[in-house]
Amino acid sequence: MAFLKGLFGSKGLPPEERAAIEQYLAAADPLLRQLESEYRQWLERVGITRGTDVTGINDPKGEHSGVFVWRTIETERTFTQLEPPRRALTMHNSYVDCVEARHRAAAAIYDALQVADVRSPRAALQEATRILGEADGLRKKGDRQREEVERLLG
């Protein structure tokens, strides 16, 4: 019997689990790359070169932030609606929480800067900075979980 166990791969993932994870990653990876690219471009456009502190943002009426929300909303929706296999669920949820936090922060920035001439955006920008810091932590958490998933795939 030990001979048969070795033949059918008692080590590692069962073939159907492996296939499910690979299929999920094939669908998720391009979406995550697109969302990450849009995020990096947005930060660059608003003059954030390091970190997530947006209190000194260069986005006078929030146009760049609004465009970021608009450009990513459909990709976010598609990504969040993916159904990951059980072993990729925590990774998926970390990435979902990350992209949703980025969206909330950018939307809050847009809203605050739209009315900056009548109401100080300071509190909203501070909150957006906090949310973006949280999103970065979630991204790193997702990346660590991704490494675990990749180790399973061996």
Protein backbone atom coordinates (compact mmCIF):
# COMPACT_ATOMS: atom_id res chain seq x y z
CA MET A 1 0.00 0.00 0.00
CA ALA A 2 2.84 2.39 0.71
CA PHE A 3 3.83 1.96 -2.93
CA LEU A 4 0.40 3.17 -4.10
CA LYS A 5 0.47 6.08 -1.66
CA GLY A 6 3.73 7.25 -3.21
CA LEU A 7 2.32 6.95 -6.70
CA PHE A 8 -0.72 9.05 -5.98
CA GLY A 9 1.08 11.78 -4.11
CA SER A 10 0.33 11.47 -0.42
CA LYS A 11 2.62 14.47 -0.03
CA GLY A 12 1.36 17.86 -1.11
CA LEU A 13 -2.06 18.78 -2.38
CA PRO A 14 -4.58 16.49 -4.02
CA PRO A 15 -4.68 17.21 -7.77
CA GLU A 16 -8.18 18.74 -7.65
CA GLU A 17 -7.15 21.15 -4.87
CA ARG A 18 -4.00 22.09 -6.73
CA ALA A 19 -6.01 22.72 -9.90
CA ALA A 20 -8.55 24.84 -8.02
CA ILE A 21 -5.83 27.01 -6.48
CA GLU A 22 -4.02 27.40 -9.79
CA GLN A 23 -7.27 28.31 -11.53
CA TYR A 24 -8.09 30.87 -8.84
CA LEU A 25 -4.60 32.42 -9.06
CA ALA A 26 -4.86 32.58 -12.86
CA ALA A 27 -8.04 34.64 -12.46
CA ALA A 28 -6.95 36.71 -9.45
CA ASP A 29 -3.38 37.64 -10.36
CA PRO A 30 -4.13 39.84 -13.39
CA LEU A 31 -6.81 41.69 -11.41
CA LEU A 32 -4.47 42.24 -8.47
CA ARG A 33 -1.70 43.46 -10.79
CA GLN A 34 -4.09 45.93 -12.41
CA LEU A 35 -5.33 47.20 -9.05
CA GLU A 36 -1.79 47.56 -7.73
CA SER A 37 -0.69 49.41 -10.87
CA GLU A 38 -3.63 51.83 -10.64
CA TYR A 39 -2.88 52.42 -6.95
CA ARG A 40 0.80 53.17 -7.61
CA GLN A 41 -0.12 55.51 -10.49
CA TRP A 42 -2.63 57.34 -8.30
CA LEU A 43 -0.08 57.86 -5.52
CA GLU A 44 2.42 59.13 -8.07
CA ARG A 45 -0.11 61.56 -9.59
CA VAL A 46 -0.99 63.03 -6.20
CA GLY A 47 2.65 63.40 -5.20
CA ILE A 48 2.92 60.63 -2.61
CA THR A 49 6.33 59.12 -3.20
CA ARG A 50 6.83 57.26 0.09
CA GLY A 51 4.46 55.85 2.62
CA THR A 52 0.77 56.57 2.82
CA ASP A 53 0.63 60.05 4.35
CA VAL A 54 -1.84 61.96 2.18
CA THR A 55 -2.14 65.05 4.38
CA GLY A 56 0.07 66.92 1.91
CA ILE A 57 -1.67 65.52 -1.17
CA ASN A 58 -1.39 67.40 -4.47
CA ASP A 59 -4.92 66.85 -5.73
CA PRO A 60 -6.58 70.28 -5.57
CA LYS A 61 -10.20 69.23 -6.15
CA GLY A 62 -9.72 65.50 -5.69
CA GLU A 63 -9.82 64.76 -9.41
CA HIS A 64 -7.01 62.19 -9.30
CA SER A 65 -8.61 60.45 -6.34
CA GLY A 66 -11.97 60.40 -8.07
CA VAL A 67 -10.42 58.99 -11.24
CA PHE A 68 -8.68 56.28 -9.21
CA VAL A 69 -12.01 55.22 -7.70
CA TRP A 70 -13.67 55.27 -11.12
CA ARG A 71 -10.85 53.35 -12.85
CA THR A 72 -10.70 50.59 -10.24
CA ILE A 73 -14.32 50.03 -9.25
CA GLU A 74 -15.12 47.38 -11.87
CA THR A 75 -11.86 45.48 -11.33
CA GLU A 76 -12.43 45.60 -7.57
CA ARG A 77 -15.92 44.23 -8.03
CA THR A 78 -14.68 41.43 -10.26
CA PHE A 79 -11.88 40.53 -7.83
CA THR A 80 -14.04 40.60 -4.71
CA GLN A 81 -16.60 38.31 -6.35
CA LEU A 82 -14.06 35.59 -7.12
CA GLU A 83 -14.66 32.43 -5.13
CA PRO A 84 -11.29 31.21 -3.88
CA PRO A 85 -10.64 27.63 -2.87
CA ARG A 86 -10.56 27.00 0.88
CA ARG A 87 -6.76 27.11 1.14
CA ALA A 88 -6.60 30.51 -0.58
CA LEU A 89 -9.53 32.08 1.30
CA THR A 90 -7.57 33.97 3.97
CA MET A 91 -5.19 35.35 1.33
CA HIS A 92 -8.13 36.42 -0.84
CA ASN A 93 -9.89 38.08 2.10
CA SER A 94 -6.74 40.05 3.02
CA TYR A 95 -6.44 41.35 -0.54
CA VAL A 96 -10.16 42.16 -0.68
CA ASP A 97 -9.90 44.11 2.56
CA CYS A 98 -6.86 45.94 1.16
CA VAL A 99 -8.48 47.04 -2.10
CA GLU A 100 -11.69 48.01 -0.31
CA ALA A 101 -9.71 50.12 2.17
CA ARG A 102 -7.86 51.86 -0.66
CA HIS A 103 -11.19 52.58 -2.32
CA ARG A 104 -12.68 54.01 0.89
CA ALA A 105 -9.61 56.21 1.43
CA ALA A 106 -9.62 57.57 -2.13
CA ALA A 107 -13.37 58.21 -2.02
CA ALA A 108 -13.00 60.05 1.30
CA ILE A 109 -10.17 62.15 -0.15
CA TYR A 110 -12.26 62.99 -3.21
CA ASP A 111 -15.25 63.96 -1.08
CA ALA A 112 -13.16 66.08 1.29
CA LEU A 113 -11.27 67.90 -1.45
CA GLN A 114 -14.43 68.65 -3.42
CA VAL A 115 -15.60 70.91 -0.58
CA ALA A 116 -12.19 72.03 0.71
CA ASP A 117 -12.99 75.66 -0.04
CA VAL A 118 -15.81 75.61 2.54
CA ARG A 119 -14.67 72.88 4.96
CA SER A 120 -11.15 71.90 5.98
CA PRO A 121 -10.20 68.49 4.57
CA ARG A 122 -7.64 67.95 7.34
CA ALA A 123 -9.60 65.37 9.40
CA ALA A 124 -10.62 63.42 6.29
CA LEU A 125 -7.04 63.39 5.00
CA GLN A 126 -5.76 62.17 8.36
CA GLU A 127 -8.38 59.40 8.35
CA ALA A 128 -7.48 58.49 4.76
CA THR A 129 -3.81 58.28 5.79
CA ARG A 130 -4.78 55.89 8.59
CA ILE A 131 -6.90 53.78 6.23
CA LEU A 132 -4.13 53.61 3.61
CA GLY A 133 -1.67 52.52 6.30
CA GLU A 134 -4.11 49.78 7.26
CA ALA A 135 -4.46 48.83 3.57
CA ASP A 136 -0.67 48.50 3.28
CA GLY A 137 -0.67 46.17 6.27
CA LEU A 138 -3.43 44.11 4.69
CA ARG A 139 -1.48 43.94 1.43
CA LYS A 140 1.60 42.67 3.27
CA LYS A 141 -0.55 40.14 5.14
CA GLY A 142 -1.99 38.95 1.83
CA ASP A 143 1.52 38.67 0.38
CA ARG A 144 2.64 36.51 3.33
CA GLN A 145 -0.41 34.31 2.90
CA ARG A 146 0.35 34.13 -0.83
CA GLU A 147 3.79 32.74 0.00
CA GLU A 148 2.10 30.02 2.08
CA VAL A 149 -0.21 29.15 -0.82
CA GLU A 150 2.76 29.00 -3.19
CA ARG A 151 4.58 26.68 -0.76
CA LEU A 152 1.57 24.37 -0.91
CA LEU A 153 1.86 24.31 -4.68
CA GLY A 154 5.54 23.51 -4.23
